[in-house]
Amino acid sequence: MKQIADRFLVATFCDDIRQEIGNKYSLMGCYGGELTVPAIPVILAKLCVLATVWTPKDRPFQSLVLSVMQDDDTEMNRLAFLERDILLEMAQLQDKTATRIGLSAAITFSPFVIEKPTLLRLVATTEEGEILGPDLSIKLQPGPAPLAQPAAAPKPAKPRPAKKKTAGKP
């Protein structure tokens, strides 16, 4: 694999990506490289990745494929930007004073099933080779799995006072 020092890939793994007014994104529940779960298997409602791949302005991408890999051998998702004209058009939309061109993509898994501890890695494949991005380590939470809380014990009944016997009545 060829090292591409002046091209790089950044990404944030999170629970949700929300499109906001003004072409902004809000990232909810961002992970710092590790996601721990209390039990395995488990199903998350959603897992998202916001990825941006960068290249020098004078070397726009000729082809680009973003892949989310599981344990370096299983491709979980692929976004292909193979049409050179589209990539060049995107490069033209960039700020004229910029020295780099960035292309961003949001990838969503919904639901996201975790069957074992695993490693997710983002990889960009270009006409010059692969660019390795950040990864997310999915681990089992250390210690015993949390148990369901027992129901509250019923309160003992208060003893009733004994009935008094009155004279003349059996």
N, C-alpha and C. Protein backbone atom coordinates (compact mmCIF):
# COMPACT_ATOMS: atom_id res chain seq x y z
N MET A 1 0.83 -1.17 0.00
CA MET A 1 0.00 0.00 0.00
C MET A 1 0.89 1.24 0.00
N LYS A 2 0.60 2.15 -0.89
CA LYS A 2 1.35 3.39 -1.03
C LYS A 2 0.92 4.40 0.03
N GLN A 3 1.86 5.03 0.69
CA GLN A 3 1.55 6.08 1.67
C GLN A 3 1.27 7.38 0.92
N ILE A 4 0.20 8.02 1.25
CA ILE A 4 -0.17 9.28 0.63
C ILE A 4 -0.13 10.34 1.73
N ALA A 5 1.00 10.98 1.89
CA ALA A 5 1.21 11.89 3.02
C ALA A 5 0.39 13.17 2.93
N ASP A 6 0.14 13.67 1.73
CA ASP A 6 -0.56 14.95 1.62
C ASP A 6 -2.06 14.80 1.37
N ARG A 7 -2.57 13.60 1.41
CA ARG A 7 -4.01 13.34 1.39
C ARG A 7 -4.36 12.67 2.72
N PHE A 8 -5.46 13.07 3.31
CA PHE A 8 -5.82 12.47 4.59
C PHE A 8 -7.33 12.41 4.76
N LEU A 9 -7.73 11.60 5.72
CA LEU A 9 -9.14 11.30 5.98
C LEU A 9 -9.42 11.51 7.45
N VAL A 10 -10.43 12.30 7.76
CA VAL A 10 -10.86 12.51 9.15
C VAL A 10 -12.31 12.07 9.26
N ALA A 11 -12.69 11.64 10.45
CA ALA A 11 -14.07 11.17 10.63
C ALA A 11 -14.45 11.26 12.09
N THR A 12 -15.75 11.39 12.32
CA THR A 12 -16.31 11.35 13.67
C THR A 12 -17.40 10.29 13.68
N PHE A 13 -17.30 9.35 14.61
CA PHE A 13 -18.33 8.35 14.84
C PHE A 13 -19.27 8.91 15.91
N CYS A 14 -20.58 8.80 15.67
CA CYS A 14 -21.54 9.38 16.62
C CYS A 14 -22.89 8.65 16.55
N ASP A 15 -23.78 9.02 17.47
CA ASP A 15 -25.11 8.42 17.51
C ASP A 15 -26.04 8.96 16.43
N ASP A 16 -25.86 10.23 16.04
CA ASP A 16 -26.77 10.81 15.05
C ASP A 16 -26.13 12.03 14.41
N ILE A 17 -26.49 12.29 13.14
CA ILE A 17 -26.07 13.48 12.42
C ILE A 17 -27.35 14.16 11.96
N ARG A 18 -27.49 15.43 12.34
CA ARG A 18 -28.71 16.16 12.00
C ARG A 18 -28.38 17.34 11.10
N GLN A 19 -29.09 17.43 10.00
CA GLN A 19 -28.94 18.56 9.07
C GLN A 19 -29.65 19.76 9.67
N GLU A 20 -28.95 20.88 9.77
CA GLU A 20 -29.51 22.09 10.35
C GLU A 20 -29.68 23.16 9.28
N ILE A 21 -30.35 24.22 9.63
CA ILE A 21 -30.52 25.35 8.72
C ILE A 21 -29.15 25.99 8.48
N GLY A 22 -28.92 26.46 7.27
CA GLY A 22 -27.65 27.13 6.95
C GLY A 22 -26.56 26.16 6.58
N ASN A 23 -26.91 24.97 6.09
CA ASN A 23 -25.94 23.95 5.66
C ASN A 23 -24.99 23.56 6.78
N LYS A 24 -25.54 23.44 8.00
CA LYS A 24 -24.76 23.01 9.16
C LYS A 24 -25.20 21.62 9.57
N TYR A 25 -24.31 20.92 10.25
CA TYR A 25 -24.61 19.60 10.79
C TYR A 25 -24.43 19.63 12.30
N SER A 26 -25.30 18.96 13.00
CA SER A 26 -25.12 18.76 14.44
C SER A 26 -24.83 17.28 14.65
N LEU A 27 -23.75 17.00 15.37
CA LEU A 27 -23.37 15.62 15.67
C LEU A 27 -23.77 15.33 17.11
N MET A 28 -24.54 14.27 17.31
CA MET A 28 -25.04 13.92 18.64
C MET A 28 -24.31 12.68 19.15
N GLY A 29 -23.89 12.70 20.40
CA GLY A 29 -23.28 11.53 21.02
C GLY A 29 -22.01 11.08 20.33
N CYS A 30 -21.01 11.96 20.25
CA CYS A 30 -19.75 11.64 19.55
C CYS A 30 -18.89 10.69 20.40
N TYR A 31 -18.26 9.74 19.72
CA TYR A 31 -17.39 8.77 20.38
C TYR A 31 -15.94 9.18 20.18
N GLY A 32 -15.14 9.02 21.20
CA GLY A 32 -13.72 9.37 21.15
C GLY A 32 -12.83 8.19 20.86
N GLY A 33 -13.21 7.36 19.92
CA GLY A 33 -12.37 6.22 19.55
C GLY A 33 -12.80 4.91 20.16
N GLU A 34 -13.71 4.95 21.15
CA GLU A 34 -14.14 3.72 21.80
C GLU A 34 -15.63 3.80 22.15
N LEU A 35 -16.34 2.74 21.87
CA LEU A 35 -17.75 2.62 22.23
C LEU A 35 -17.86 1.39 23.11
N THR A 36 -18.35 1.55 24.33
CA THR A 36 -18.52 0.40 25.21
C THR A 36 -20.01 0.11 25.37
N VAL A 37 -20.33 -1.16 25.39
CA VAL A 37 -21.72 -1.60 25.55
C VAL A 37 -21.81 -2.51 26.76
N PRO A 38 -22.97 -2.50 27.46
CA PRO A 38 -23.09 -3.29 28.68
C PRO A 38 -23.22 -4.79 28.43
N ALA A 39 -23.68 -5.17 27.24
CA ALA A 39 -23.86 -6.59 26.93
C ALA A 39 -23.73 -6.79 25.43
N ILE A 40 -23.38 -8.00 25.04
CA ILE A 40 -23.29 -8.38 23.63
C ILE A 40 -24.03 -9.70 23.49
N PRO A 41 -24.90 -9.85 22.53
CA PRO A 41 -25.23 -8.93 21.44
C PRO A 41 -26.13 -7.80 21.92
N VAL A 42 -26.08 -6.70 21.14
CA VAL A 42 -26.91 -5.52 21.44
C VAL A 42 -27.22 -4.83 20.12
N ILE A 43 -28.34 -4.14 20.07
CA ILE A 43 -28.73 -3.39 18.88
C ILE A 43 -28.81 -1.92 19.25
N LEU A 44 -28.03 -1.09 18.54
CA LEU A 44 -28.13 0.36 18.69
C LEU A 44 -29.14 0.87 17.67
N ALA A 45 -29.91 1.86 18.04
CA ALA A 45 -30.89 2.41 17.10
C ALA A 45 -30.20 2.96 15.86
N LYS A 46 -29.00 3.54 16.06
CA LYS A 46 -28.31 4.17 14.95
C LYS A 46 -26.84 4.34 15.29
N LEU A 47 -25.99 4.25 14.29
CA LEU A 47 -24.57 4.62 14.41
C LEU A 47 -24.22 5.37 13.13
N CYS A 48 -23.61 6.53 13.28
CA CYS A 48 -23.30 7.39 12.12
C CYS A 48 -21.81 7.70 12.05
N VAL A 49 -21.36 8.02 10.84
CA VAL A 49 -19.98 8.44 10.61
C VAL A 49 -20.03 9.68 9.71
N LEU A 50 -19.40 10.76 10.14
CA LEU A 50 -19.22 11.92 9.28
C LEU A 50 -17.76 11.93 8.86
N ALA A 51 -17.52 11.74 7.57
CA ALA A 51 -16.16 11.60 7.05
C ALA A 51 -15.84 12.74 6.09
N THR A 52 -14.59 13.22 6.15
CA THR A 52 -14.10 14.20 5.19
C THR A 52 -12.73 13.75 4.73
N VAL A 53 -12.58 13.68 3.41
CA VAL A 53 -11.29 13.29 2.83
C VAL A 53 -10.73 14.52 2.12
N TRP A 54 -9.42 14.77 2.33
CA TRP A 54 -8.76 15.98 1.85
C TRP A 54 -7.65 15.65 0.87
N THR A 55 -7.48 16.53 -0.11
CA THR A 55 -6.41 16.40 -1.09
C THR A 55 -5.90 17.79 -1.45
N PRO A 56 -4.63 17.92 -1.89
CA PRO A 56 -4.17 19.23 -2.34
C PRO A 56 -5.02 19.73 -3.51
N LYS A 57 -5.21 21.03 -3.55
CA LYS A 57 -6.07 21.65 -4.57
C LYS A 57 -5.58 21.34 -5.98
N ASP A 58 -4.28 21.23 -6.16
CA ASP A 58 -3.75 20.98 -7.50
C ASP A 58 -3.80 19.49 -7.89
N ARG A 59 -4.31 18.62 -7.00
CA ARG A 59 -4.44 17.19 -7.30
C ARG A 59 -5.83 16.68 -6.91
N PRO A 60 -6.88 17.15 -7.57
CA PRO A 60 -8.22 16.69 -7.21
C PRO A 60 -8.33 15.18 -7.43
N PHE A 61 -9.26 14.58 -6.71
CA PHE A 61 -9.48 13.14 -6.83
C PHE A 61 -9.96 12.80 -8.24
N GLN A 62 -9.42 11.71 -8.78
CA GLN A 62 -9.89 11.18 -10.06
C GLN A 62 -10.95 10.11 -9.82
N SER A 63 -10.80 9.41 -8.71
CA SER A 63 -11.80 8.43 -8.25
C SER A 63 -11.71 8.38 -6.73
N LEU A 64 -12.83 8.06 -6.11
CA LEU A 64 -12.86 8.03 -4.66
C LEU A 64 -13.93 7.06 -4.19
N VAL A 65 -13.54 6.15 -3.30
CA VAL A 65 -14.47 5.23 -2.67
C VAL A 65 -14.23 5.28 -1.17
N LEU A 66 -15.28 5.57 -0.40
CA LEU A 66 -15.19 5.53 1.06
C LEU A 66 -15.80 4.23 1.53
N SER A 67 -15.08 3.50 2.39
CA SER A 67 -15.57 2.23 2.91
C SER A 67 -15.47 2.22 4.43
N VAL A 68 -16.48 1.63 5.06
CA VAL A 68 -16.42 1.35 6.49
C VAL A 68 -16.13 -0.13 6.61
N MET A 69 -14.97 -0.44 7.20
CA MET A 69 -14.53 -1.83 7.33
C MET A 69 -14.70 -2.31 8.77
N GLN A 70 -15.08 -3.57 8.91
CA GLN A 70 -15.17 -4.20 10.23
C GLN A 70 -14.03 -5.20 10.34
N ASP A 71 -13.22 -5.04 11.38
CA ASP A 71 -12.08 -5.92 11.64
C ASP A 71 -11.17 -6.08 10.43
N ASP A 72 -11.04 -5.04 9.62
CA ASP A 72 -10.14 -4.97 8.46
C ASP A 72 -10.45 -5.98 7.35
N ASP A 73 -11.52 -6.77 7.47
CA ASP A 73 -11.77 -7.74 6.40
C ASP A 73 -13.21 -7.77 5.88
N THR A 74 -14.13 -7.10 6.55
CA THR A 74 -15.52 -7.10 6.11
C THR A 74 -15.94 -5.67 5.79
N GLU A 75 -16.33 -5.45 4.55
CA GLU A 75 -16.80 -4.13 4.17
C GLU A 75 -18.27 -4.00 4.56
N MET A 76 -18.57 -3.05 5.45
CA MET A 76 -19.93 -2.86 5.94
C MET A 76 -20.73 -1.87 5.11
N ASN A 77 -20.03 -0.91 4.50
CA ASN A 77 -20.70 0.10 3.69
C ASN A 77 -19.68 0.67 2.71
N ARG A 78 -20.19 1.12 1.55
CA ARG A 78 -19.32 1.67 0.52
C ARG A 78 -20.05 2.82 -0.16
N LEU A 79 -19.35 3.96 -0.28
CA LEU A 79 -19.84 5.09 -1.07
C LEU A 79 -18.82 5.33 -2.17
N ALA A 80 -19.25 5.22 -3.41
CA ALA A 80 -18.34 5.36 -4.54
C ALA A 80 -18.60 6.66 -5.28
N PHE A 81 -17.56 7.44 -5.47
CA PHE A 81 -17.58 8.66 -6.27
C PHE A 81 -16.65 8.40 -7.45
N LEU A 82 -17.12 7.67 -8.43
CA LEU A 82 -16.24 7.19 -9.50
C LEU A 82 -16.24 8.08 -10.73
N GLU A 83 -17.24 8.95 -10.89
CA GLU A 83 -17.29 9.78 -12.07
C GLU A 83 -16.37 10.98 -11.91
N ARG A 84 -15.34 11.02 -12.72
CA ARG A 84 -14.32 12.07 -12.63
C ARG A 84 -14.93 13.45 -12.77
N ASP A 85 -15.92 13.60 -13.65
CA ASP A 85 -16.55 14.92 -13.86
C ASP A 85 -17.20 15.43 -12.59
N ILE A 86 -17.85 14.56 -11.83
CA ILE A 86 -18.50 14.97 -10.59
C ILE A 86 -17.44 15.41 -9.57
N LEU A 87 -16.35 14.65 -9.47
CA LEU A 87 -15.28 15.01 -8.53
C LEU A 87 -14.63 16.34 -8.90
N LEU A 88 -14.43 16.58 -10.20
CA LEU A 88 -13.85 17.84 -10.64
C LEU A 88 -14.81 19.00 -10.40
N GLU A 89 -16.11 18.76 -10.61
CA GLU A 89 -17.10 19.80 -10.35
C GLU A 89 -17.12 20.17 -8.88
N MET A 90 -17.00 19.17 -8.00
CA MET A 90 -16.96 19.43 -6.57
C MET A 90 -15.72 20.25 -6.22
N ALA A 91 -14.62 19.98 -6.89
CA ALA A 91 -13.39 20.73 -6.64
C ALA A 91 -13.56 22.19 -7.04
N GLN A 92 -14.34 22.47 -8.07
CA GLN A 92 -14.57 23.84 -8.52
C GLN A 92 -15.40 24.64 -7.53
N LEU A 93 -16.20 23.98 -6.70
CA LEU A 93 -17.06 24.66 -5.75
C LEU A 93 -16.31 25.16 -4.52
N GLN A 94 -15.07 24.78 -4.38
CA GLN A 94 -14.28 25.14 -3.20
C GLN A 94 -13.85 26.60 -3.24
N ASP A 95 -13.50 27.13 -2.09
CA ASP A 95 -12.97 28.48 -1.93
C ASP A 95 -11.71 28.61 -2.78
N LYS A 96 -11.64 29.69 -3.56
CA LYS A 96 -10.50 29.88 -4.47
C LYS A 96 -9.19 30.12 -3.72
N THR A 97 -9.25 30.54 -2.45
CA THR A 97 -8.03 30.79 -1.68
C THR A 97 -7.55 29.54 -0.94
N ALA A 98 -8.35 28.49 -0.96
CA ALA A 98 -8.01 27.26 -0.24
C ALA A 98 -6.82 26.56 -0.88
N THR A 99 -6.06 25.83 -0.08
CA THR A 99 -4.94 25.04 -0.59
C THR A 99 -5.31 23.57 -0.71
N ARG A 100 -6.45 23.18 -0.12
CA ARG A 100 -6.93 21.80 -0.15
C ARG A 100 -8.38 21.74 -0.59
N ILE A 101 -8.75 20.59 -1.10
CA ILE A 101 -10.14 20.30 -1.47
C ILE A 101 -10.63 19.22 -0.52
N GLY A 102 -11.79 19.45 0.07
CA GLY A 102 -12.37 18.47 0.98
C GLY A 102 -13.71 17.97 0.47
N LEU A 103 -13.94 16.70 0.62
CA LEU A 103 -15.20 16.09 0.25
C LEU A 103 -15.75 15.37 1.47
N SER A 104 -16.98 15.71 1.87
CA SER A 104 -17.58 15.13 3.08
C SER A 104 -18.74 14.22 2.73
N ALA A 105 -18.95 13.23 3.57
CA ALA A 105 -20.07 12.30 3.41
C ALA A 105 -20.53 11.83 4.78
N ALA A 106 -21.82 11.64 4.91
CA ALA A 106 -22.40 11.09 6.13
C ALA A 106 -22.85 9.67 5.83
N ILE A 107 -22.49 8.74 6.70
CA ILE A 107 -22.85 7.33 6.56
C ILE A 107 -23.64 6.94 7.80
N THR A 108 -24.81 6.34 7.59
CA THR A 108 -25.68 5.97 8.71
C THR A 108 -26.01 4.48 8.66
N PHE A 109 -25.86 3.82 9.80
CA PHE A 109 -26.30 2.44 9.98
C PHE A 109 -27.51 2.48 10.92
N SER A 110 -28.66 2.00 10.47
CA SER A 110 -29.83 2.03 11.32
C SER A 110 -30.73 0.83 11.01
N PRO A 111 -30.84 -0.08 11.93
CA PRO A 111 -30.17 -0.20 13.23
C PRO A 111 -28.73 -0.69 13.05
N PHE A 112 -27.97 -0.65 14.13
CA PHE A 112 -26.60 -1.14 14.10
C PHE A 112 -26.49 -2.28 15.09
N VAL A 113 -26.24 -3.47 14.58
CA VAL A 113 -26.19 -4.68 15.40
C VAL A 113 -24.75 -4.96 15.80
N ILE A 114 -24.52 -5.13 17.10
CA ILE A 114 -23.20 -5.49 17.62
C ILE A 114 -23.28 -6.92 18.11
N GLU A 115 -22.59 -7.82 17.41
CA GLU A 115 -22.62 -9.24 17.76
C GLU A 115 -21.38 -9.70 18.51
N LYS A 116 -20.31 -8.88 18.45
CA LYS A 116 -19.04 -9.23 19.11
C LYS A 116 -18.21 -7.97 19.27
N PRO A 117 -17.22 -7.98 20.16
CA PRO A 117 -16.29 -6.85 20.20
C PRO A 117 -15.63 -6.73 18.82
N THR A 118 -15.49 -5.52 18.33
CA THR A 118 -15.02 -5.35 16.96
C THR A 118 -14.33 -4.01 16.77
N LEU A 119 -13.73 -3.82 15.62
CA LEU A 119 -13.07 -2.57 15.27
C LEU A 119 -13.63 -2.10 13.94
N LEU A 120 -14.14 -0.87 13.91
CA LEU A 120 -14.60 -0.26 12.67
C LEU A 120 -13.53 0.72 12.20
N ARG A 121 -13.24 0.71 10.91
CA ARG A 121 -12.22 1.61 10.36
C ARG A 121 -12.74 2.21 9.06
N LEU A 122 -12.45 3.48 8.87
CA LEU A 122 -12.81 4.16 7.64
C LEU A 122 -11.60 4.14 6.71
N VAL A 123 -11.85 3.81 5.43
CA VAL A 123 -10.79 3.74 4.42
C VAL A 123 -11.27 4.45 3.17
N ALA A 124 -10.41 5.32 2.60
CA ALA A 124 -10.69 5.96 1.32
C ALA A 124 -9.76 5.35 0.29
N THR A 125 -10.32 4.88 -0.82
CA THR A 125 -9.52 4.34 -1.90
C THR A 125 -9.59 5.31 -3.07
N THR A 126 -8.40 5.76 -3.52
CA THR A 126 -8.32 6.73 -4.61
C THR A 126 -7.47 6.16 -5.73
N GLU A 127 -7.33 6.93 -6.78
CA GLU A 127 -6.48 6.51 -7.90
C GLU A 127 -5.02 6.40 -7.49
N GLU A 128 -4.64 6.98 -6.34
CA GLU A 128 -3.26 6.92 -5.86
C GLU A 128 -3.04 5.86 -4.79
N GLY A 129 -4.11 5.22 -4.33
CA GLY A 129 -3.98 4.21 -3.28
C GLY A 129 -4.96 4.44 -2.15
N GLU A 130 -4.73 3.75 -1.03
CA GLU A 130 -5.62 3.82 0.12
C GLU A 130 -5.17 4.89 1.12
N ILE A 131 -6.17 5.51 1.74
CA ILE A 131 -5.93 6.45 2.83
C ILE A 131 -6.68 5.88 4.03
N LEU A 132 -5.94 5.56 5.08
CA LEU A 132 -6.56 5.01 6.28
C LEU A 132 -7.06 6.14 7.17
N GLY A 133 -8.29 5.98 7.62
CA GLY A 133 -8.89 6.97 8.50
C GLY A 133 -8.93 6.46 9.93
N PRO A 134 -9.63 7.17 10.77
CA PRO A 134 -9.72 6.78 12.17
C PRO A 134 -10.56 5.51 12.34
N ASP A 135 -10.46 4.94 13.52
CA ASP A 135 -11.25 3.74 13.79
C ASP A 135 -12.05 3.92 15.08
N LEU A 136 -13.00 3.02 15.26
CA LEU A 136 -13.83 2.99 16.46
C LEU A 136 -13.76 1.57 17.02
N SER A 137 -13.28 1.46 18.23
CA SER A 137 -13.19 0.16 18.91
C SER A 137 -14.48 -0.06 19.69
N ILE A 138 -15.16 -1.15 19.41
CA ILE A 138 -16.40 -1.48 20.12
C ILE A 138 -16.08 -2.59 21.10
N LYS A 139 -16.29 -2.30 22.39
CA LYS A 139 -15.88 -3.23 23.46
C LYS A 139 -17.02 -3.49 24.42
N LEU A 140 -16.89 -4.61 25.12
CA LEU A 140 -17.82 -4.94 26.19
C LEU A 140 -17.40 -4.14 27.43
N GLN A 141 -18.36 -3.55 28.08
CA GLN A 141 -18.10 -2.77 29.30
C GLN A 141 -17.44 -3.66 30.34
N PRO A 142 -16.35 -3.22 30.96
CA PRO A 142 -15.69 -4.06 31.96
C PRO A 142 -16.60 -4.31 33.16
N GLY A 143 -16.38 -5.44 33.81
CA GLY A 143 -17.16 -5.77 35.00
C GLY A 143 -18.40 -6.56 34.64
N PRO A 144 -19.14 -6.96 35.65
CA PRO A 144 -20.33 -7.76 35.38
C PRO A 144 -21.39 -6.93 34.67
N ALA A 145 -22.18 -7.60 33.85
CA ALA A 145 -23.27 -6.92 33.17
C ALA A 145 -24.28 -6.48 34.20
N PRO A 146 -24.87 -5.30 34.01
CA PRO A 146 -25.86 -4.85 34.98
C PRO A 146 -27.06 -5.78 35.00
N LEU A 147 -27.55 -6.05 36.20
CA LEU A 147 -28.73 -6.90 36.35
C LEU A 147 -29.95 -6.03 36.47
N ALA A 148 -31.09 -6.62 36.15
CA ALA A 148 -32.34 -5.89 36.30
C ALA A 148 -32.55 -5.62 37.78
N GLN A 149 -33.07 -4.47 38.09
CA GLN A 149 -33.34 -4.13 39.48
C GLN A 149 -34.51 -4.95 39.98
N PRO A 150 -34.38 -5.58 41.16
CA PRO A 150 -35.50 -6.36 41.67
C PRO A 150 -36.65 -5.44 42.05
N ALA A 151 -37.84 -5.99 41.96
CA ALA A 151 -39.01 -5.20 42.36
C ALA A 151 -38.90 -4.92 43.85
N ALA A 152 -39.46 -3.82 44.27
CA ALA A 152 -39.42 -3.47 45.69
C ALA A 152 -40.16 -4.53 46.49
N ALA A 153 -39.55 -4.93 47.59
CA ALA A 153 -40.19 -5.95 48.45
C ALA A 153 -41.47 -5.38 49.03
N PRO A 154 -42.52 -6.19 49.10
CA PRO A 154 -43.77 -5.68 49.66
C PRO A 154 -43.56 -5.35 51.13
N LYS A 155 -44.25 -4.31 51.55
CA LYS A 155 -44.15 -3.91 52.95
C LYS A 155 -44.92 -4.92 53.80
N PRO A 156 -44.36 -5.31 54.95
CA PRO A 156 -45.09 -6.27 55.78
C PRO A 156 -46.38 -5.63 56.29
N ALA A 157 -47.41 -6.46 56.40
CA ALA A 157 -48.70 -5.96 56.88
C ALA A 157 -48.56 -5.59 58.34
N LYS A 158 -49.24 -4.51 58.72
CA LYS A 158 -49.22 -4.09 60.12
C LYS A 158 -50.08 -5.06 60.92
N PRO A 159 -49.61 -5.49 62.07
CA PRO A 159 -50.44 -6.40 62.88
C PRO A 159 -51.68 -5.65 63.36
N ARG A 160 -52.80 -6.35 63.29
CA ARG A 160 -54.05 -5.74 63.75
C ARG A 160 -54.19 -6.01 65.24
N PRO A 161 -54.68 -5.03 65.95
CA PRO A 161 -54.87 -5.26 67.39
C PRO A 161 -55.96 -6.31 67.60
N ALA A 162 -55.80 -7.10 68.62
CA ALA A 162 -56.79 -8.15 68.93
C ALA A 162 -58.10 -7.50 69.34
N LYS A 163 -59.20 -8.14 68.94
CA LYS A 163 -60.52 -7.61 69.28
C LYS A 163 -60.78 -7.83 70.76
N LYS A 164 -61.37 -6.83 71.37
CA LYS A 164 -61.70 -6.94 72.80
C LYS A 164 -63.03 -7.69 72.93
N LYS A 165 -63.06 -8.54 73.93
CA LYS A 165 -64.31 -9.26 74.21
C LYS A 165 -65.12 -8.41 75.19
N THR A 166 -66.36 -8.30 74.91
CA THR A 166 -67.22 -7.54 75.82
C THR A 166 -68.04 -8.50 76.65
N ALA A 167 -68.36 -8.10 77.87
CA ALA A 167 -69.10 -8.98 78.79
C ALA A 167 -70.50 -9.23 78.27
N GLY A 168 -70.97 -10.40 78.43
CA GLY A 168 -72.30 -10.79 78.07
C GLY A 168 -72.44 -11.22 76.62
N LYS A 169 -71.44 -11.10 75.87
CA LYS A 169 -71.51 -11.56 74.46
C LYS A 169 -70.54 -12.70 74.30
N PRO A 170 -71.03 -13.73 73.61
CA PRO A 170 -70.15 -14.88 73.43
C PRO A 170 -68.96 -14.60 72.57
